[in-house]
Amino acid sequence: MTMIADTVAVWVDGAGVPERVVWAGVRFRVTDTPTPLDLDLSFATHLPFLPTAWRFQGTNDQGESLVFDVVSVAGGQAWRVLHTYQ
Protein backbone atom coordinates (compact mmCIF):
# COMPACT_ATOMS: atom_id res chain seq x y z
CA MET A 1 0.00 0.00 0.00
CA THR A 2 1.23 3.45 -0.87
CA MET A 3 -0.10 6.31 1.25
CA ILE A 4 -0.65 9.45 -0.79
CA ALA A 5 -2.36 12.81 -0.51
CA ASP A 6 -2.28 13.87 -4.17
CA THR A 7 -5.12 15.89 -5.65
CA VAL A 8 -6.56 14.07 -8.65
CA ALA A 9 -9.28 14.52 -11.25
CA VAL A 10 -12.19 12.10 -10.82
CA TRP A 11 -15.09 11.78 -13.26
CA VAL A 12 -18.31 10.43 -11.80
CA ASP A 13 -21.60 9.29 -13.28
CA GLY A 14 -24.98 10.89 -12.52
CA ALA A 15 -25.19 9.04 -9.20
CA GLY A 16 -21.73 10.25 -8.11
CA VAL A 17 -19.97 6.91 -8.68
CA PRO A 18 -16.41 7.17 -10.07
CA GLU A 19 -15.90 6.24 -13.74
CA ARG A 20 -12.30 7.34 -14.32
CA VAL A 21 -9.42 9.11 -12.60
CA VAL A 22 -6.36 10.98 -13.82
CA TRP A 23 -3.49 10.56 -11.40
CA ALA A 24 0.12 11.66 -12.03
CA GLY A 25 -0.86 12.53 -15.62
CA VAL A 26 -2.15 9.01 -16.36
CA ARG A 27 -5.80 8.19 -17.06
CA PHE A 28 -7.23 5.13 -15.35
CA ARG A 29 -10.68 3.81 -16.24
CA VAL A 30 -12.67 2.22 -13.43
CA THR A 31 -12.71 -1.50 -14.20
CA ASP A 32 -14.71 -2.88 -11.28
CA THR A 33 -17.69 -1.85 -9.17
CA PRO A 34 -16.64 1.02 -6.87
CA THR A 35 -17.24 0.46 -3.16
CA PRO A 36 -18.16 3.33 -0.84
CA LEU A 37 -15.71 3.70 2.05
CA ASP A 38 -16.80 4.48 5.59
CA LEU A 39 -14.85 7.43 6.95
CA ASP A 40 -14.18 7.79 10.67
CA LEU A 41 -15.49 11.28 11.25
CA SER A 42 -15.95 10.93 15.01
CA PHE A 43 -13.32 13.61 15.60
CA ALA A 44 -15.23 16.23 13.59
CA THR A 45 -18.22 18.02 15.05
CA HIS A 46 -19.09 20.72 12.50
CA LEU A 47 -18.16 19.64 9.00
CA PRO A 48 -19.32 22.06 6.28
CA PHE A 49 -20.06 19.05 4.05
CA LEU A 50 -19.95 15.28 4.33
CA PRO A 51 -17.02 13.91 2.30
CA THR A 52 -17.53 10.97 -0.04
CA ALA A 53 -14.92 8.22 -0.28
CA TRP A 54 -14.58 5.31 -2.72
CA ARG A 55 -12.37 2.30 -3.40
CA PHE A 56 -12.11 1.06 -6.97
CA GLN A 57 -9.77 -0.60 -9.42
CA GLY A 58 -8.51 1.52 -12.29
CA THR A 59 -6.70 0.29 -15.39
CA ASN A 60 -4.64 2.52 -17.69
CA ASP A 61 -4.19 2.20 -21.46
CA GLN A 62 -1.04 0.08 -20.96
CA GLY A 63 -2.99 -2.48 -18.91
CA GLU A 64 -1.55 -1.54 -15.51
CA SER A 65 -4.16 -1.84 -12.76
CA LEU A 66 -4.18 -0.17 -9.35
CA VAL A 67 -6.72 -0.03 -6.56
CA PHE A 68 -7.45 3.54 -5.48
CA ASP A 69 -8.93 4.95 -2.28
CA VAL A 70 -10.19 8.46 -3.03
CA VAL A 71 -12.05 11.06 -0.96
CA SER A 72 -13.84 14.25 -1.93
CA VAL A 73 -12.45 17.48 -0.50
CA ALA A 74 -13.12 21.21 -0.83
CA GLY A 75 -16.85 20.83 -0.45
CA GLY A 76 -16.95 18.05 -3.02
CA GLN A 77 -15.25 20.16 -5.70
CA ALA A 78 -11.97 18.22 -5.66
CA TRP A 79 -10.64 14.73 -4.90
CA ARG A 80 -7.59 13.29 -3.17
CA VAL A 81 -6.00 9.88 -3.48
CA LEU A 82 -5.53 8.46 0.01
CA HIS A 83 -3.94 5.11 -0.91
CA THR A 84 -3.07 2.99 -3.90
CA TYR A 85 -2.61 -0.78 -3.93
CA GLN A 86 -1.04 -2.95 -6.61
PDB file of N, CA and C in Angstrom:
ATOM      1  N   MET A   1       0.842  -1.174   0.000  1.00  0.00           N
ATOM      2  CA  MET A   1       0.000   0.000   0.000  1.00  0.00           C
ATOM      3  C   MET A   1       0.883   1.230   0.000  1.00  0.00           C
ATOM      4  N   THR A   2       0.544   2.173  -0.828  1.00  0.00           N
ATOM      5  CA  THR A   2       1.232   3.448  -0.867  1.00  0.00           C
ATOM      6  C   THR A   2       0.294   4.516  -0.334  1.00  0.00           C
ATOM      7  N   MET A   3       0.716   5.234   0.706  1.00  0.00           N
ATOM      8  CA  MET A   3      -0.101   6.313   1.250  1.00  0.00           C
ATOM      9  C   MET A   3       0.232   7.599   0.515  1.00  0.00           C
ATOM     10  N   ILE A   4      -0.803   8.294   0.083  1.00  0.00           N
ATOM     11  CA  ILE A   4      -0.649   9.446  -0.791  1.00  0.00           C
ATOM     12  C   ILE A   4      -1.617  10.537  -0.323  1.00  0.00           C
ATOM     13  N   ALA A   5      -1.391  11.740  -0.745  1.00  0.00           N
ATOM     14  CA  ALA A   5      -2.363  12.814  -0.512  1.00  0.00           C
ATOM     15  C   ALA A   5      -2.449  13.697  -1.751  1.00  0.00           C
ATOM     16  N   ASP A   6      -2.252  13.116  -2.917  1.00  0.00           N
ATOM     17  CA  ASP A   6      -2.280  13.872  -4.168  1.00  0.00           C
ATOM     18  C   ASP A   6      -3.707  14.267  -4.549  1.00  0.00           C
ATOM     19  N   THR A   7      -3.849  15.473  -5.059  1.00  0.00           N
ATOM     20  CA  THR A   7      -5.117  15.893  -5.649  1.00  0.00           C
ATOM     21  C   THR A   7      -5.206  15.276  -7.040  1.00  0.00           C
ATOM     22  N   VAL A   8      -6.362  14.737  -7.368  1.00  0.00           N
ATOM     23  CA  VAL A   8      -6.564  14.067  -8.652  1.00  0.00           C
ATOM     24  C   VAL A   8      -7.870  14.548  -9.278  1.00  0.00           C
ATOM     25  N   ALA A   9      -8.025  14.268 -10.550  1.00  0.00           N
ATOM     26  CA  ALA A   9      -9.284  14.518 -11.253  1.00  0.00           C
ATOM     27  C   ALA A   9     -10.075  13.223 -11.283  1.00  0.00           C
ATOM     28  N   VAL A  10     -11.311  13.274 -10.820  1.00  0.00           N
ATOM     29  CA  VAL A  10     -12.188  12.100 -10.821  1.00  0.00           C
ATOM     30  C   VAL A  10     -13.450  12.467 -11.583  1.00  0.00           C
ATOM     31  N   TRP A  11     -13.826  11.629 -12.531  1.00  0.00           N
ATOM     32  CA  TRP A  11     -15.086  11.781 -13.256  1.00  0.00           C
ATOM     33  C   TRP A  11     -16.069  10.805 -12.652  1.00  0.00           C
ATOM     34  N   VAL A  12     -17.282  11.274 -12.401  1.00  0.00           N
ATOM     35  CA  VAL A  12     -18.311  10.432 -11.805  1.00  0.00           C
ATOM     36  C   VAL A  12     -19.538  10.402 -12.705  1.00  0.00           C
ATOM     37  N   ASP A  13     -20.360   9.368 -12.515  1.00  0.00           N
ATOM     38  CA  ASP A  13     -21.604   9.291 -13.279  1.00  0.00           C
ATOM     39  C   ASP A  13     -22.674  10.137 -12.589  1.00  0.00           C
ATOM     40  N   GLY A  14     -23.895  10.085 -13.066  1.00  0.00           N
ATOM     41  CA  GLY A  14     -24.977  10.892 -12.522  1.00  0.00           C
ATOM     42  C   GLY A  14     -25.305  10.603 -11.068  1.00  0.00           C
ATOM     43  N   ALA A  15     -24.944   9.412 -10.598  1.00  0.00           N
ATOM     44  CA  ALA A  15     -25.186   9.039  -9.202  1.00  0.00           C
ATOM     45  C   ALA A  15     -23.981   9.349  -8.307  1.00  0.00           C
ATOM     46  N   GLY A  16     -22.917   9.917  -8.891  1.00  0.00           N
ATOM     47  CA  GLY A  16     -21.729  10.253  -8.105  1.00  0.00           C
ATOM     48  C   GLY A  16     -20.725   9.135  -7.960  1.00  0.00           C
ATOM     49  N   VAL A  17     -20.875   8.059  -8.741  1.00  0.00           N
ATOM     50  CA  VAL A  17     -19.972   6.907  -8.677  1.00  0.00           C
ATOM     51  C   VAL A  17     -18.808   7.131  -9.650  1.00  0.00           C
ATOM     52  N   PRO A  18     -17.567   6.935  -9.201  1.00  0.00           N
ATOM     53  CA  PRO A  18     -16.410   7.173 -10.072  1.00  0.00           C
ATOM     54  C   PRO A  18     -16.423   6.312 -11.333  1.00  0.00           C
ATOM     55  N   GLU A  19     -16.030   6.938 -12.461  1.00  0.00           N
ATOM     56  CA  GLU A  19     -15.900   6.236 -13.739  1.00  0.00           C
ATOM     57  C   GLU A  19     -14.465   6.221 -14.242  1.00  0.00           C
ATOM     58  N   ARG A  20     -13.712   7.289 -13.930  1.00  0.00           N
ATOM     59  CA  ARG A  20     -12.302   7.342 -14.318  1.00  0.00           C
ATOM     60  C   ARG A  20     -11.583   8.354 -13.435  1.00  0.00           C
ATOM     61  N   VAL A  21     -10.259   8.234 -13.415  1.00  0.00           N
ATOM     62  CA  VAL A  21      -9.423   9.110 -12.603  1.00  0.00           C
ATOM     63  C   VAL A  21      -8.157   9.415 -13.394  1.00  0.00           C
ATOM     64  N   VAL A  22      -7.670  10.632 -13.265  1.00  0.00           N
ATOM     65  CA  VAL A  22      -6.365  10.979 -13.820  1.00  0.00           C
ATOM     66  C   VAL A  22      -5.459  11.278 -12.641  1.00  0.00           C
ATOM     67  N   TRP A  23      -4.423  10.454 -12.505  1.00  0.00           N
ATOM     68  CA  TRP A  23      -3.488  10.563 -11.399  1.00  0.00           C
ATOM     69  C   TRP A  23      -2.078  10.559 -11.972  1.00  0.00           C
ATOM     70  N   ALA A  24      -1.272  11.537 -11.566  1.00  0.00           N
ATOM     71  CA  ALA A  24       0.117  11.664 -12.033  1.00  0.00           C
ATOM     72  C   ALA A  24       0.171  11.729 -13.561  1.00  0.00           C
ATOM     73  N   GLY A  25      -0.831  12.363 -14.168  1.00  0.00           N
ATOM     74  CA  GLY A  25      -0.861  12.529 -15.617  1.00  0.00           C
ATOM     75  C   GLY A  25      -1.283  11.299 -16.396  1.00  0.00           C
ATOM     76  N   VAL A  26      -1.753  10.263 -15.703  1.00  0.00           N
ATOM     77  CA  VAL A  26      -2.153   9.014 -16.360  1.00  0.00           C
ATOM     78  C   VAL A  26      -3.640   8.773 -16.111  1.00  0.00           C
ATOM     79  N   ARG A  27      -4.372   8.464 -17.187  1.00  0.00           N
ATOM     80  CA  ARG A  27      -5.804   8.186 -17.063  1.00  0.00           C
ATOM     81  C   ARG A  27      -6.025   6.712 -16.746  1.00  0.00           C
ATOM     82  N   PHE A  28      -6.814   6.470 -15.731  1.00  0.00           N
ATOM     83  CA  PHE A  28      -7.229   5.128 -15.347  1.00  0.00           C
ATOM     84  C   PHE A  28      -8.744   5.060 -15.455  1.00  0.00           C
ATOM     85  N   ARG A  29      -9.242   4.046 -16.166  1.00  0.00           N
ATOM     86  CA  ARG A  29     -10.683   3.811 -16.242  1.00  0.00           C
ATOM     87  C   ARG A  29     -11.063   2.856 -15.124  1.00  0.00           C
ATOM     88  N   VAL A  30     -12.192   3.106 -14.489  1.00  0.00           N
ATOM     89  CA  VAL A  30     -12.672   2.224 -13.431  1.00  0.00           C
ATOM     90  C   VAL A  30     -13.084   0.902 -14.071  1.00  0.00           C
ATOM     91  N   THR A  31     -12.495  -0.193 -13.588  1.00  0.00           N
ATOM     92  CA  THR A  31     -12.710  -1.503 -14.205  1.00  0.00           C
ATOM     93  C   THR A  31     -13.319  -2.511 -13.240  1.00  0.00           C
ATOM     94  N   ASP A  32     -13.952  -2.020 -12.176  1.00  0.00           N
ATOM     95  CA  ASP A  32     -14.715  -2.879 -11.284  1.00  0.00           C
ATOM     96  C   ASP A  32     -15.875  -2.050 -10.737  1.00  0.00           C
ATOM     97  N   THR A  33     -16.596  -2.596  -9.789  1.00  0.00           N
ATOM     98  CA  THR A  33     -17.690  -1.855  -9.167  1.00  0.00           C
ATOM     99  C   THR A  33     -17.146  -1.091  -7.967  1.00  0.00           C
ATOM    100  N   PRO A  34     -17.152   0.238  -7.999  1.00  0.00           N
ATOM    101  CA  PRO A  34     -16.639   1.018  -6.875  1.00  0.00           C
ATOM    102  C   PRO A  34     -17.409   0.720  -5.585  1.00  0.00           C
ATOM    103  N   THR A  35     -16.671   0.720  -4.478  1.00  0.00           N
ATOM    104  CA  THR A  35     -17.236   0.457  -3.159  1.00  0.00           C
ATOM    105  C   THR A  35     -17.141   1.722  -2.318  1.00  0.00           C
ATOM    106  N   PRO A  36     -18.259   2.169  -1.733  1.00  0.00           N
ATOM    107  CA  PRO A  36     -18.165   3.331  -0.843  1.00  0.00           C
ATOM    108  C   PRO A  36     -17.342   2.973   0.389  1.00  0.00           C
ATOM    109  N   LEU A  37     -16.506   3.898   0.839  1.00  0.00           N
ATOM    110  CA  LEU A  37     -15.707   3.701   2.045  1.00  0.00           C
ATOM    111  C   LEU A  37     -16.355   4.444   3.203  1.00  0.00           C
ATOM    112  N   ASP A  38     -16.339   3.815   4.369  1.00  0.00           N
ATOM    113  CA  ASP A  38     -16.795   4.482   5.587  1.00  0.00           C
ATOM    114  C   ASP A  38     -15.638   5.290   6.146  1.00  0.00           C
ATOM    115  N   LEU A  39     -15.866   6.561   6.376  1.00  0.00           N
ATOM    116  CA  LEU A  39     -14.850   7.433   6.948  1.00  0.00           C
ATOM    117  C   LEU A  39     -15.116   7.595   8.434  1.00  0.00           C
ATOM    118  N   ASP A  40     -14.059   7.540   9.242  1.00  0.00           N
ATOM    119  CA  ASP A  40     -14.182   7.791  10.670  1.00  0.00           C
ATOM    120  C   ASP A  40     -14.179   9.301  10.883  1.00  0.00           C
ATOM    121  N   LEU A  41     -15.348   9.843  11.076  1.00  0.00           N
ATOM    122  CA  LEU A  41     -15.485  11.284  11.253  1.00  0.00           C
ATOM    123  C   LEU A  41     -15.847  11.633  12.691  1.00  0.00           C
ATOM    124  N   SER A  42     -15.584  10.715  13.616  1.00  0.00           N
ATOM    125  CA  SER A  42     -15.954  10.935  15.008  1.00  0.00           C
ATOM    126  C   SER A  42     -15.227  12.127  15.626  1.00  0.00           C
ATOM    127  N   PHE A  43     -14.090  12.488  15.077  1.00  0.00           N
ATOM    128  CA  PHE A  43     -13.315  13.607  15.599  1.00  0.00           C
ATOM    129  C   PHE A  43     -13.886  14.962  15.170  1.00  0.00           C
ATOM    130  N   ALA A  44     -14.720  14.974  14.146  1.00  0.00           N
ATOM    131  CA  ALA A  44     -15.226  16.227  13.586  1.00  0.00           C
ATOM    132  C   ALA A  44     -16.644  16.486  14.080  1.00  0.00           C
ATOM    133  N   THR A  45     -16.895  17.706  14.526  1.00  0.00           N
ATOM    134  CA  THR A  45     -18.222  18.022  15.051  1.00  0.00           C
ATOM    135  C   THR A  45     -19.028  18.942  14.140  1.00  0.00           C
ATOM    136  N   HIS A  46     -18.371  19.757  13.327  1.00  0.00           N
ATOM    137  CA  HIS A  46     -19.093  20.719  12.503  1.00  0.00           C
ATOM    138  C   HIS A  46     -18.517  20.760  11.085  1.00  0.00           C
ATOM    139  N   LEU A  47     -18.658  19.670  10.372  1.00  0.00           N
ATOM    140  CA  LEU A  47     -18.164  19.641   8.999  1.00  0.00           C
ATOM    141  C   LEU A  47     -19.069  20.469   8.097  1.00  0.00           C
ATOM    142  N   PRO A  48     -18.487  21.281   7.201  1.00  0.00           N
ATOM    143  CA  PRO A  48     -19.320  22.062   6.283  1.00  0.00           C
ATOM    144  C   PRO A  48     -19.987  21.197   5.210  1.00  0.00           C
ATOM    145  N   PHE A  49     -19.462  20.003   4.981  1.00  0.00           N
ATOM    146  CA  PHE A  49     -20.062  19.054   4.048  1.00  0.00           C
ATOM    147  C   PHE A  49     -19.592  17.662   4.451  1.00  0.00           C
ATOM    148  N   LEU A  50     -20.313  16.654   4.020  1.00  0.00           N
ATOM    149  CA  LEU A  50     -19.947  15.280   4.329  1.00  0.00           C
ATOM    150  C   LEU A  50     -19.130  14.716   3.175  1.00  0.00           C
ATOM    151  N   PRO A  51     -17.843  14.422   3.398  1.00  0.00           N
ATOM    152  CA  PRO A  51     -17.016  13.915   2.302  1.00  0.00           C
ATOM    153  C   PRO A  51     -17.479  12.536   1.834  1.00  0.00           C
ATOM    154  N   THR A  52     -17.221  12.259   0.571  1.00  0.00           N
ATOM    155  CA  THR A  52     -17.525  10.968  -0.042  1.00  0.00           C
ATOM    156  C   THR A  52     -16.213  10.271  -0.325  1.00  0.00           C
ATOM    157  N   ALA A  53     -16.149   8.982  -0.036  1.00  0.00           N
ATOM    158  CA  ALA A  53     -14.923   8.220  -0.282  1.00  0.00           C
ATOM    159  C   ALA A  53     -15.273   6.920  -1.000  1.00  0.00           C
ATOM    160  N   TRP A  54     -14.368   6.510  -1.901  1.00  0.00           N
ATOM    161  CA  TRP A  54     -14.584   5.310  -2.718  1.00  0.00           C
ATOM    162  C   TRP A  54     -13.306   4.503  -2.817  1.00  0.00           C
ATOM    163  N   ARG A  55     -13.471   3.195  -3.019  1.00  0.00           N
ATOM    164  CA  ARG A  55     -12.369   2.300  -3.403  1.00  0.00           C
ATOM    165  C   ARG A  55     -12.776   1.653  -4.720  1.00  0.00           C
ATOM    166  N   PHE A  56     -11.836   1.669  -5.674  1.00  0.00           N
ATOM    167  CA  PHE A  56     -12.114   1.058  -6.970  1.00  0.00           C
ATOM    168  C   PHE A  56     -10.803   0.678  -7.643  1.00  0.00           C
ATOM    169  N   GLN A  57     -10.915  -0.238  -8.588  1.00  0.00           N
ATOM    170  CA  GLN A  57      -9.766  -0.600  -9.425  1.00  0.00           C
ATOM    171  C   GLN A  57      -9.802   0.240 -10.682  1.00  0.00           C
ATOM    172  N   GLY A  58      -8.640   0.783 -11.040  1.00  0.00           N
ATOM    173  CA  GLY A  58      -8.513   1.517 -12.287  1.00  0.00           C
ATOM    174  C   GLY A  58      -7.435   0.887 -13.141  1.00  0.00           C
ATOM    175  N   THR A  59      -7.661   0.867 -14.450  1.00  0.00           N
ATOM    176  CA  THR A  59      -6.703   0.295 -15.388  1.00  0.00           C
ATOM    177  C   THR A  59      -6.366   1.344 -16.440  1.00  0.00           C
ATOM    178  N   ASN A  60      -5.053   1.527 -16.693  1.00  0.00           N
ATOM    179  CA  ASN A  60      -4.639   2.520 -17.687  1.00  0.00           C
ATOM    180  C   ASN A  60      -4.564   1.887 -19.070  1.00  0.00           C
ATOM    181  N   ASP A  61      -4.219   2.688 -20.081  1.00  0.00           N
ATOM    182  CA  ASP A  61      -4.192   2.199 -21.461  1.00  0.00           C
ATOM    183  C   ASP A  61      -3.115   1.153 -21.707  1.00  0.00           C
ATOM    184  N   GLN A  62      -2.104   1.080 -20.830  1.00  0.00           N
ATOM    185  CA  GLN A  62      -1.035   0.080 -20.956  1.00  0.00           C
ATOM    186  C   GLN A  62      -1.386  -1.221 -20.239  1.00  0.00           C
ATOM    187  N   GLY A  63      -2.555  -1.274 -19.589  1.00  0.00           N
ATOM    188  CA  GLY A  63      -2.994  -2.484 -18.909  1.00  0.00           C
ATOM    189  C   GLY A  63      -2.579  -2.571 -17.451  1.00  0.00           C
ATOM    190  N   GLU A  64      -1.920  -1.551 -16.920  1.00  0.00           N
ATOM    191  CA  GLU A  64      -1.549  -1.539 -15.507  1.00  0.00           C
ATOM    192  C   GLU A  64      -2.788  -1.241 -14.673  1.00  0.00           C
ATOM    193  N   SER A  65      -3.010  -2.042 -13.638  1.00  0.00           N
ATOM    194  CA  SER A  65      -4.165  -1.837 -12.758  1.00  0.00           C
ATOM    195  C   SER A  65      -3.702  -1.492 -11.359  1.00  0.00           C
ATOM    196  N   LEU A  66      -4.397  -0.553 -10.743  1.00  0.00           N
ATOM    197  CA  LEU A  66      -4.177  -0.172  -9.354  1.00  0.00           C
ATOM    198  C   LEU A  66      -5.529  -0.076  -8.673  1.00  0.00           C
ATOM    199  N   VAL A  67      -5.531  -0.293  -7.363  1.00  0.00           N
ATOM    200  CA  VAL A  67      -6.721  -0.027  -6.562  1.00  0.00           C
ATOM    201  C   VAL A  67      -6.513   1.329  -5.906  1.00  0.00           C
ATOM    202  N   PHE A  68      -7.508   2.186  -6.016  1.00  0.00           N
ATOM    203  CA  PHE A  68      -7.449   3.542  -5.482  1.00  0.00           C
ATOM    204  C   PHE A  68      -8.437   3.709  -4.337  1.00  0.00           C
ATOM    205  N   ASP A  69      -8.026   4.408  -3.284  1.00  0.00           N
ATOM    206  CA  ASP A  69      -8.933   4.947  -2.278  1.00  0.00           C
ATOM    207  C   ASP A  69      -8.926   6.451  -2.487  1.00  0.00           C
ATOM    208  N   VAL A  70     -10.092   7.018  -2.785  1.00  0.00           N
ATOM    209  CA  VAL A  70     -10.189   8.463  -3.031  1.00  0.00           C
ATOM    210  C   VAL A  70     -11.243   9.059  -2.114  1.00  0.00           C
ATOM    211  N   VAL A  71     -11.090  10.342  -1.802  1.00  0.00           N
ATOM    212  CA  VAL A  71     -12.048  11.056  -0.960  1.00  0.00           C
ATOM    213  C   VAL A  71     -12.281  12.444  -1.549  1.00  0.00           C
ATOM    214  N   SER A  72     -13.528  12.899  -1.467  1.00  0.00           N
ATOM    215  CA  SER A  72     -13.841  14.247  -1.934  1.00  0.00           C
ATOM    216  C   SER A  72     -13.384  15.254  -0.880  1.00  0.00           C
ATOM    217  N   VAL A  73     -12.900  16.394  -1.367  1.00  0.00           N
ATOM    218  CA  VAL A  73     -12.445  17.480  -0.495  1.00  0.00           C
ATOM    219  C   VAL A  73     -12.979  18.792  -1.054  1.00  0.00           C
ATOM    220  N   ALA A  74     -12.732  19.868  -0.361  1.00  0.00           N
ATOM    221  CA  ALA A  74     -13.116  21.214  -0.830  1.00  0.00           C
ATOM    222  C   ALA A  74     -14.600  21.284  -1.158  1.00  0.00           C
ATOM    223  N   GLY A  75     -15.405  20.765  -0.235  1.00  0.00           N
ATOM    224  CA  GLY A  75     -16.852  20.830  -0.451  1.00  0.00           C
ATOM    225  C   GLY A  75     -17.332  19.975  -1.594  1.00  0.00           C
ATOM    226  N   GLY A  76     -16.582  18.934  -1.927  1.00  0.00           N
ATOM    227  CA  GLY A  76     -16.949  18.048  -3.023  1.00  0.00           C
ATOM    228  C   GLY A  76     -16.483  18.521  -4.383  1.00  0.00           C
ATOM    229  N   GLN A  77     -15.715  19.600  -4.429  1.00  0.00           N
ATOM    230  CA  GLN A  77     -15.254  20.157  -5.698  1.00  0.00           C
ATOM    231  C   GLN A  77     -13.917  19.586  -6.161  1.00  0.00           C
ATOM    232  N   ALA A  78     -13.263  18.808  -5.308  1.00  0.00           N
ATOM    233  CA  ALA A  78     -11.968  18.217  -5.661  1.00  0.00           C
ATOM    234  C   ALA A  78     -11.870  16.845  -4.997  1.00  0.00           C
ATOM    235  N   TRP A  79     -10.860  16.085  -5.425  1.00  0.00           N
ATOM    236  CA  TRP A  79     -10.644  14.730  -4.900  1.00  0.00           C
ATOM    237  C   TRP A  79      -9.186  14.553  -4.528  1.00  0.00           C
ATOM    238  N   ARG A  80      -8.951  13.679  -3.554  1.00  0.00           N
ATOM    239  CA  ARG A  80      -7.593  13.289  -3.167  1.00  0.00           C
ATOM    240  C   ARG A  80      -7.485  11.780  -3.171  1.00  0.00           C
ATOM    241  N   VAL A  81      -6.311  11.304  -3.590  1.00  0.00           N
ATOM    242  CA  VAL A  81      -6.000   9.882  -3.477  1.00  0.00           C
ATOM    243  C   VAL A  81      -5.425   9.671  -2.084  1.00  0.00           C
ATOM    244  N   LEU A  82      -6.028   8.772  -1.316  1.00  0.00           N
ATOM    245  CA  LEU A  82      -5.525   8.458   0.012  1.00  0.00           C
ATOM    246  C   LEU A  82      -4.503   7.334  -0.022  1.00  0.00           C
ATOM    247  N   HIS A  83      -4.809   6.296  -0.815  1.00  0.00           N
ATOM    248  CA  HIS A  83      -3.940   5.115  -0.912  1.00  0.00           C
ATOM    249  C   HIS A  83      -4.040   4.547  -2.318  1.00  0.00           C
ATOM    250  N   THR A  84      -3.002   3.849  -2.718  1.00  0.00           N
ATOM    251  CA  THR A  84      -3.075   2.990  -3.898  1.00  0.00           C
ATOM    252  C   THR A  84      -2.520   1.631  -3.519  1.00  0.00           C
ATOM    253  N   TYR A  85      -3.031   0.604  -4.165  1.00  0.00           N
ATOM    254  CA  TYR A  85      -2.611  -0.777  -3.933  1.00  0.00           C
ATOM    255  C   TYR A  85      -2.339  -1.411  -5.281  1.00  0.00           C
ATOM    256  N   GLN A  86      -1.310  -2.253  -5.356  1.00  0.00           N
ATOM    257  CA  GLN A  86      -1.036  -2.951  -6.609  1.00  0.00           C
ATOM    258  C   GLN A  86      -1.673  -4.317  -6.613  1.00  0.00           C
TER     259      GLN A  86
END
